[in-house]
Amino acid sequence: FSEDVLSKDAGECAICLEELQQGDTIARLPCLCIYHKGQVFLRMDIKFQKVTFMGCIDEWFEVNRSCPEHPSD
């Protein structure tokens, strides 16, 4: 993927469901889908009593190697 800064609002991130807003750092995949890159969000795991801070596409790529919307690409 390539890292970029969003030049205009672009709807919703399919991973975190937050708006992609002008000025956000994004990852642009080869399929041209875009996601927050380095955007920090909070994930709380009640069972293991831990809190994790990750970026949308960063966390996705820890367990997947494809686009969330185009898994066969």
PDB file of N, CA and C in Angstrom:
ATOM      1  N   PHE A   1       0.845  -1.185   0.000  1.00  0.00           N
ATOM      2  CA  PHE A   1       0.000   0.000   0.000  1.00  0.00           C
ATOM      3  C   PHE A   1       0.879   1.234   0.000  1.00  0.00           C
ATOM      4  N   SER A   2       0.263   2.354  -0.316  1.00  0.00           N
ATOM      5  CA  SER A   2       0.985   3.628  -0.235  1.00  0.00           C
ATOM      6  C   SER A   2       0.324   4.498   0.823  1.00  0.00           C
ATOM      7  N   GLU A   3       1.144   5.279   1.515  1.00  0.00           N
ATOM      8  CA  GLU A   3       0.636   6.172   2.548  1.00  0.00           C
ATOM      9  C   GLU A   3       0.441   7.555   1.941  1.00  0.00           C
ATOM     10  N   ASP A   4      -0.644   8.225   2.329  1.00  0.00           N
ATOM     11  CA  ASP A   4      -0.980   9.515   1.750  1.00  0.00           C
ATOM     12  C   ASP A   4      -1.776  10.316   2.782  1.00  0.00           C
ATOM     13  N   VAL A   5      -1.997  11.577   2.486  1.00  0.00           N
ATOM     14  CA  VAL A   5      -2.868  12.424   3.306  1.00  0.00           C
ATOM     15  C   VAL A   5      -4.094  12.742   2.457  1.00  0.00           C
ATOM     16  N   LEU A   6      -5.264  12.521   3.016  1.00  0.00           N
ATOM     17  CA  LEU A   6      -6.519  12.684   2.290  1.00  0.00           C
ATOM     18  C   LEU A   6      -6.764  14.155   1.959  1.00  0.00           C
ATOM     19  N   SER A   7      -7.021  14.432   0.688  1.00  0.00           N
ATOM     20  CA  SER A   7      -7.209  15.817   0.251  1.00  0.00           C
ATOM     21  C   SER A   7      -8.655  16.296   0.373  1.00  0.00           C
ATOM     22  N   LYS A   8      -9.599  15.356   0.531  1.00  0.00           N
ATOM     23  CA  LYS A   8     -11.002  15.729   0.748  1.00  0.00           C
ATOM     24  C   LYS A   8     -11.711  14.605   1.491  1.00  0.00           C
ATOM     25  N   ASP A   9     -12.818  14.908   2.131  1.00  0.00           N
ATOM     26  CA  ASP A   9     -13.594  13.890   2.838  1.00  0.00           C
ATOM     27  C   ASP A   9     -13.955  12.762   1.878  1.00  0.00           C
ATOM     28  N   ALA A  10     -13.939  11.514   2.397  1.00  0.00           N
ATOM     29  CA  ALA A  10     -14.144  10.371   1.500  1.00  0.00           C
ATOM     30  C   ALA A  10     -15.064   9.297   2.069  1.00  0.00           C
ATOM     31  N   GLY A  11     -16.012   9.670   2.893  1.00  0.00           N
ATOM     32  CA  GLY A  11     -16.967   8.681   3.384  1.00  0.00           C
ATOM     33  C   GLY A  11     -16.462   7.942   4.610  1.00  0.00           C
ATOM     34  N   GLU A  12     -16.826   6.681   4.714  1.00  0.00           N
ATOM     35  CA  GLU A  12     -16.602   5.902   5.927  1.00  0.00           C
ATOM     36  C   GLU A  12     -15.482   4.876   5.743  1.00  0.00           C
ATOM     37  N   CYS A  13     -14.634   4.741   6.745  1.00  0.00           N
ATOM     38  CA  CYS A  13     -13.614   3.691   6.758  1.00  0.00           C
ATOM     39  C   CYS A  13     -14.321   2.366   7.035  1.00  0.00           C
ATOM     40  N   ALA A  14     -14.119   1.381   6.166  1.00  0.00           N
ATOM     41  CA  ALA A  14     -14.807   0.093   6.304  1.00  0.00           C
ATOM     42  C   ALA A  14     -14.314  -0.714   7.498  1.00  0.00           C
ATOM     43  N   ILE A  15     -13.211  -0.317   8.098  1.00  0.00           N
ATOM     44  CA  ILE A  15     -12.690  -1.058   9.245  1.00  0.00           C
ATOM     45  C   ILE A  15     -13.233  -0.501  10.551  1.00  0.00           C
ATOM     46  N   CYS A  16     -13.048   0.809  10.787  1.00  0.00           N
ATOM     47  CA  CYS A  16     -13.471   1.386  12.073  1.00  0.00           C
ATOM     48  C   CYS A  16     -14.835   2.064  12.007  1.00  0.00           C
ATOM     49  N   LEU A  17     -15.343   2.268  10.793  1.00  0.00           N
ATOM     50  CA  LEU A  17     -16.641   2.901  10.545  1.00  0.00           C
ATOM     51  C   LEU A  17     -16.670   4.390  10.903  1.00  0.00           C
ATOM     52  N   GLU A  18     -15.493   4.988  11.122  1.00  0.00           N
ATOM     53  CA  GLU A  18     -15.394   6.434  11.337  1.00  0.00           C
ATOM     54  C   GLU A  18     -15.226   7.105   9.984  1.00  0.00           C
ATOM     55  N   GLU A  19     -15.575   8.383   9.911  1.00  0.00           N
ATOM     56  CA  GLU A  19     -15.450   9.127   8.662  1.00  0.00           C
ATOM     57  C   GLU A  19     -13.989   9.330   8.275  1.00  0.00           C
ATOM     58  N   LEU A  20     -13.703   9.189   6.992  1.00  0.00           N
ATOM     59  CA  LEU A  20     -12.401   9.536   6.434  1.00  0.00           C
ATOM     60  C   LEU A  20     -12.472  11.019   6.101  1.00  0.00           C
ATOM     61  N   GLN A  21     -11.704  11.841   6.813  1.00  0.00           N
ATOM     62  CA  GLN A  21     -11.811  13.283   6.673  1.00  0.00           C
ATOM     63  C   GLN A  21     -10.549  13.889   6.084  1.00  0.00           C
ATOM     64  N   GLN A  22     -10.738  15.003   5.411  1.00  0.00           N
ATOM     65  CA  GLN A  22      -9.619  15.733   4.838  1.00  0.00           C
ATOM     66  C   GLN A  22      -8.529  15.908   5.888  1.00  0.00           C
ATOM     67  N   GLY A  23      -7.290  15.596   5.502  1.00  0.00           N
ATOM     68  CA  GLY A  23      -6.163  15.727   6.411  1.00  0.00           C
ATOM     69  C   GLY A  23      -5.793  14.445   7.125  1.00  0.00           C
ATOM     70  N   ASP A  24      -6.674  13.420   7.098  1.00  0.00           N
ATOM     71  CA  ASP A  24      -6.360  12.136   7.718  1.00  0.00           C
ATOM     72  C   ASP A  24      -5.234  11.454   6.951  1.00  0.00           C
ATOM     73  N   THR A  25      -4.363  10.749   7.674  1.00  0.00           N
ATOM     74  CA  THR A  25      -3.352   9.916   7.030  1.00  0.00           C
ATOM     75  C   THR A  25      -4.036   8.612   6.643  1.00  0.00           C
ATOM     76  N   ILE A  26      -3.849   8.221   5.393  1.00  0.00           N
ATOM     77  CA  ILE A  26      -4.534   7.031   4.881  1.00  0.00           C
ATOM     78  C   ILE A  26      -3.530   6.069   4.246  1.00  0.00           C
ATOM     79  N   ALA A  27      -3.972   4.829   4.103  1.00  0.00           N
ATOM     80  CA  ALA A  27      -3.272   3.835   3.308  1.00  0.00           C
ATOM     81  C   ALA A  27      -4.126   3.601   2.070  1.00  0.00           C
ATOM     82  N   ARG A  28      -3.500   3.711   0.902  1.00  0.00           N
ATOM     83  CA  ARG A  28      -4.204   3.466  -0.361  1.00  0.00           C
ATOM     84  C   ARG A  28      -3.687   2.133  -0.900  1.00  0.00           C
ATOM     85  N   LEU A  29      -4.588   1.157  -1.002  1.00  0.00           N
ATOM     86  CA  LEU A  29      -4.208  -0.175  -1.460  1.00  0.00           C
ATOM     87  C   LEU A  29      -4.180  -0.232  -2.985  1.00  0.00           C
ATOM     88  N   PRO A  30      -3.560  -1.269  -3.569  1.00  0.00           N
ATOM     89  CA  PRO A  30      -3.510  -1.384  -5.033  1.00  0.00           C
ATOM     90  C   PRO A  30      -4.887  -1.382  -5.698  1.00  0.00           C
ATOM     91  N   CYS A  31      -5.923  -1.847  -4.988  1.00  0.00           N
ATOM     92  CA  CYS A  31      -7.287  -1.847  -5.530  1.00  0.00           C
ATOM     93  C   CYS A  31      -7.922  -0.457  -5.444  1.00  0.00           C
ATOM     94  N   LEU A  32      -7.183   0.525  -4.890  1.00  0.00           N
ATOM     95  CA  LEU A  32      -7.581   1.924  -4.710  1.00  0.00           C
ATOM     96  C   LEU A  32      -8.499   2.165  -3.512  1.00  0.00           C
ATOM     97  N   CYS A  33      -8.773   1.136  -2.709  1.00  0.00           N
ATOM     98  CA  CYS A  33      -9.509   1.338  -1.468  1.00  0.00           C
ATOM     99  C   CYS A  33      -8.615   2.101  -0.502  1.00  0.00           C
ATOM    100  N   ILE A  34      -9.233   2.912   0.356  1.00  0.00           N
ATOM    101  CA  ILE A  34      -8.464   3.679   1.335  1.00  0.00           C
ATOM    102  C   ILE A  34      -8.992   3.427   2.743  1.00  0.00           C
ATOM    103  N   TYR A  35      -8.059   3.453   3.700  1.00  0.00           N
ATOM    104  CA  TYR A  35      -8.369   3.213   5.112  1.00  0.00           C
ATOM    105  C   TYR A  35      -7.482   4.114   5.952  1.00  0.00           C
ATOM    106  N   HIS A  36      -7.884   4.359   7.201  1.00  0.00           N
ATOM    107  CA  HIS A  36      -7.037   5.129   8.103  1.00  0.00           C
ATOM    108  C   HIS A  36      -5.708   4.408   8.273  1.00  0.00           C
ATOM    109  N   LYS A  37      -4.634   5.166   8.248  1.00  0.00           N
ATOM    110  CA  LYS A  37      -3.295   4.633   8.494  1.00  0.00           C
ATOM    111  C   LYS A  37      -2.742   5.357   9.698  1.00  0.00           C
ATOM    112  N   GLY A  38      -2.441   4.628  10.746  1.00  0.00           N
ATOM    113  CA  GLY A  38      -1.905   5.267  11.933  1.00  0.00           C
ATOM    114  C   GLY A  38      -2.960   5.977  12.761  1.00  0.00           C
ATOM    115  N   GLN A  39      -4.219   5.948  12.314  1.00  0.00           N
ATOM    116  CA  GLN A  39      -5.317   6.526  13.099  1.00  0.00           C
ATOM    117  C   GLN A  39      -5.473   5.649  14.332  1.00  0.00           C
ATOM    118  N   VAL A  40      -5.445   6.231  15.481  1.00  0.00           N
ATOM    119  CA  VAL A  40      -5.474   5.444  16.706  1.00  0.00           C
ATOM    120  C   VAL A  40      -6.907   5.273  17.168  1.00  0.00           C
ATOM    121  N   PHE A  41      -7.244   4.031  17.494  1.00  0.00           N
ATOM    122  CA  PHE A  41      -8.538   3.778  18.102  1.00  0.00           C
ATOM    123  C   PHE A  41      -8.343   2.838  19.280  1.00  0.00           C
ATOM    124  N   LEU A  42      -9.302   2.809  20.140  1.00  0.00           N
ATOM    125  CA  LEU A  42      -9.243   2.038  21.378  1.00  0.00           C
ATOM    126  C   LEU A  42     -10.008   0.744  21.211  1.00  0.00           C
ATOM    127  N   ARG A  43      -9.397  -0.361  21.611  1.00  0.00           N
ATOM    128  CA  ARG A  43     -10.097  -1.645  21.626  1.00  0.00           C
ATOM    129  C   ARG A  43      -9.950  -2.221  23.022  1.00  0.00           C
ATOM    130  N   MET A  44     -11.070  -2.506  23.652  1.00  0.00           N
ATOM    131  CA  MET A  44     -11.031  -3.036  25.004  1.00  0.00           C
ATOM    132  C   MET A  44     -11.460  -4.492  24.985  1.00  0.00           C
ATOM    133  N   ASP A  45     -10.669  -5.337  25.599  1.00  0.00           N
ATOM    134  CA  ASP A  45     -10.964  -6.759  25.702  1.00  0.00           C
ATOM    135  C   ASP A  45     -11.320  -7.040  27.157  1.00  0.00           C
ATOM    136  N   ILE A  46     -12.601  -7.160  27.428  1.00  0.00           N
ATOM    137  CA  ILE A  46     -13.077  -7.349  28.795  1.00  0.00           C
ATOM    138  C   ILE A  46     -12.578  -8.680  29.366  1.00  0.00           C
ATOM    139  N   LYS A  47     -12.602  -9.727  28.565  1.00  0.00           N
ATOM    140  CA  LYS A  47     -12.209 -11.052  29.034  1.00  0.00           C
ATOM    141  C   LYS A  47     -10.776 -11.058  29.563  1.00  0.00           C
ATOM    142  N   PHE A  48      -9.866 -10.426  28.815  1.00  0.00           N
ATOM    143  CA  PHE A  48      -8.461 -10.415  29.215  1.00  0.00           C
ATOM    144  C   PHE A  48      -8.057  -9.120  29.912  1.00  0.00           C
ATOM    145  N   GLN A  49      -9.027  -8.228  30.117  1.00  0.00           N
ATOM    146  CA  GLN A  49      -8.834  -6.966  30.818  1.00  0.00           C
ATOM    147  C   GLN A  49      -7.636  -6.195  30.269  1.00  0.00           C
ATOM    148  N   LYS A  50      -7.640  -5.984  28.966  1.00  0.00           N
ATOM    149  CA  LYS A  50      -6.567  -5.194  28.380  1.00  0.00           C
ATOM    150  C   LYS A  50      -7.128  -4.188  27.387  1.00  0.00           C
ATOM    151  N   VAL A  51      -6.393  -3.135  27.177  1.00  0.00           N
ATOM    152  CA  VAL A  51      -6.762  -2.086  26.239  1.00  0.00           C
ATOM    153  C   VAL A  51      -5.650  -1.990  25.209  1.00  0.00           C
ATOM    154  N   THR A  52      -6.011  -1.946  23.928  1.00  0.00           N
ATOM    155  CA  THR A  52      -5.037  -1.876  22.856  1.00  0.00           C
ATOM    156  C   THR A  52      -5.318  -0.647  22.013  1.00  0.00           C
ATOM    157  N   PHE A  53      -4.282   0.059  21.605  1.00  0.00           N
ATOM    158  CA  PHE A  53      -4.399   1.201  20.711  1.00  0.00           C
ATOM    159  C   PHE A  53      -3.724   0.828  19.396  1.00  0.00           C
ATOM    160  N   MET A  54      -4.469   0.843  18.307  1.00  0.00           N
ATOM    161  CA  MET A  54      -3.937   0.468  16.994  1.00  0.00           C
ATOM    162  C   MET A  54      -4.513   1.380  15.919  1.00  0.00           C
ATOM    163  N   GLY A  55      -3.919   1.325  14.735  1.00  0.00           N
ATOM    164  CA  GLY A  55      -4.461   1.997  13.570  1.00  0.00           C
ATOM    165  C   GLY A  55      -5.301   1.010  12.784  1.00  0.00           C
ATOM    166  N   CYS A  56      -6.282   1.485  12.058  1.00  0.00           N
ATOM    167  CA  CYS A  56      -7.225   0.615  11.345  1.00  0.00           C
ATOM    168  C   CYS A  56      -6.525  -0.417  10.465  1.00  0.00           C
ATOM    169  N   ILE A  57      -5.866   0.045   9.408  1.00  0.00           N
ATOM    170  CA  ILE A  57      -5.270  -0.886   8.456  1.00  0.00           C
ATOM    171  C   ILE A  57      -4.062  -1.576   9.069  1.00  0.00           C
ATOM    172  N   ASP A  58      -3.391  -0.925  10.018  1.00  0.00           N
ATOM    173  CA  ASP A  58      -2.245  -1.547  10.679  1.00  0.00           C
ATOM    174  C   ASP A  58      -2.668  -2.825  11.391  1.00  0.00           C
ATOM    175  N   GLU A  59      -3.746  -2.745  12.154  1.00  0.00           N
ATOM    176  CA  GLU A  59      -4.227  -3.927  12.875  1.00  0.00           C
ATOM    177  C   GLU A  59      -4.756  -4.971  11.896  1.00  0.00           C
ATOM    178  N   TRP A  60      -5.465  -4.539  10.877  1.00  0.00           N
ATOM    179  CA  TRP A  60      -6.007  -5.471   9.881  1.00  0.00           C
ATOM    180  C   TRP A  60      -4.876  -6.303   9.272  1.00  0.00           C
ATOM    181  N   PHE A  61      -3.785  -5.640   8.899  1.00  0.00           N
ATOM    182  CA  PHE A  61      -2.670  -6.332   8.252  1.00  0.00           C
ATOM    183  C   PHE A  61      -1.875  -7.217   9.209  1.00  0.00           C
ATOM    184  N   GLU A  62      -2.109  -7.107  10.514  1.00  0.00           N
ATOM    185  CA  GLU A  62      -1.453  -8.025  11.447  1.00  0.00           C
ATOM    186  C   GLU A  62      -2.005  -9.441  11.300  1.00  0.00           C
ATOM    187  N   VAL A  63      -3.248  -9.568  10.824  1.00  0.00           N
ATOM    188  CA  VAL A  63      -3.860 -10.898  10.686  1.00  0.00           C
ATOM    189  C   VAL A  63      -4.332 -11.207   9.270  1.00  0.00           C
ATOM    190  N   ASN A  64      -4.312 -10.231   8.371  1.00  0.00           N
ATOM    191  CA  ASN A  64      -4.784 -10.419   6.998  1.00  0.00           C
ATOM    192  C   ASN A  64      -3.759  -9.844   6.023  1.00  0.00           C
ATOM    193  N   ARG A  65      -3.755 -10.340   4.818  1.00  0.00           N
ATOM    194  CA  ARG A  65      -2.846  -9.822   3.783  1.00  0.00           C
ATOM    195  C   ARG A  65      -3.610  -9.384   2.547  1.00  0.00           C
ATOM    196  N   SER A  66      -4.862  -9.003   2.728  1.00  0.00           N
ATOM    197  CA  SER A  66      -5.676  -8.585   1.595  1.00  0.00           C
ATOM    198  C   SER A  66      -6.538  -7.396   1.983  1.00  0.00           C
ATOM    199  N   CYS A  67      -7.140  -6.790   0.998  1.00  0.00           N
ATOM    200  CA  CYS A  67      -8.058  -5.679   1.228  1.00  0.00           C
ATOM    201  C   CYS A  67      -9.294  -6.189   1.972  1.00  0.00           C
ATOM    202  N   PRO A  68      -9.765  -5.458   2.981  1.00  0.00           N
ATOM    203  CA  PRO A  68     -10.977  -5.876   3.693  1.00  0.00           C
ATOM    204  C   PRO A  68     -12.216  -5.983   2.783  1.00  0.00           C
ATOM    205  N   GLU A  69     -12.233  -5.192   1.715  1.00  0.00           N
ATOM    206  CA  GLU A  69     -13.390  -5.197   0.827  1.00  0.00           C
ATOM    207  C   GLU A  69     -13.186  -6.051  -0.422  1.00  0.00           C
ATOM    208  N   HIS A  70     -11.938  -6.442  -0.701  1.00  0.00           N
ATOM    209  CA  HIS A  70     -11.617  -7.257  -1.880  1.00  0.00           C
ATOM    210  C   HIS A  70     -10.659  -8.388  -1.478  1.00  0.00           C
ATOM    211  N   PRO A  71     -11.097  -9.316  -0.649  1.00  0.00           N
ATOM    212  CA  PRO A  71     -10.189 -10.332  -0.117  1.00  0.00           C
ATOM    213  C   PRO A  71      -9.550 -11.248  -1.152  1.00  0.00           C
ATOM    214  N   SER A  72     -10.117 -11.340  -2.336  1.00  0.00           N
ATOM    215  CA  SER A  72      -9.534 -12.232  -3.344  1.00  0.00           C
ATOM    216  C   SER A  72      -8.467 -11.537  -4.188  1.00  0.00           C
ATOM    217  N   ASP A  73      -8.300 -10.215  -4.026  1.00  0.00           N
ATOM    218  CA  ASP A  73      -7.275  -9.484  -4.781  1.00  0.00           C
ATOM    219  C   ASP A  73      -5.889  -9.725  -4.217  1.00  0.00           C
TER     220      ASP A  73
END
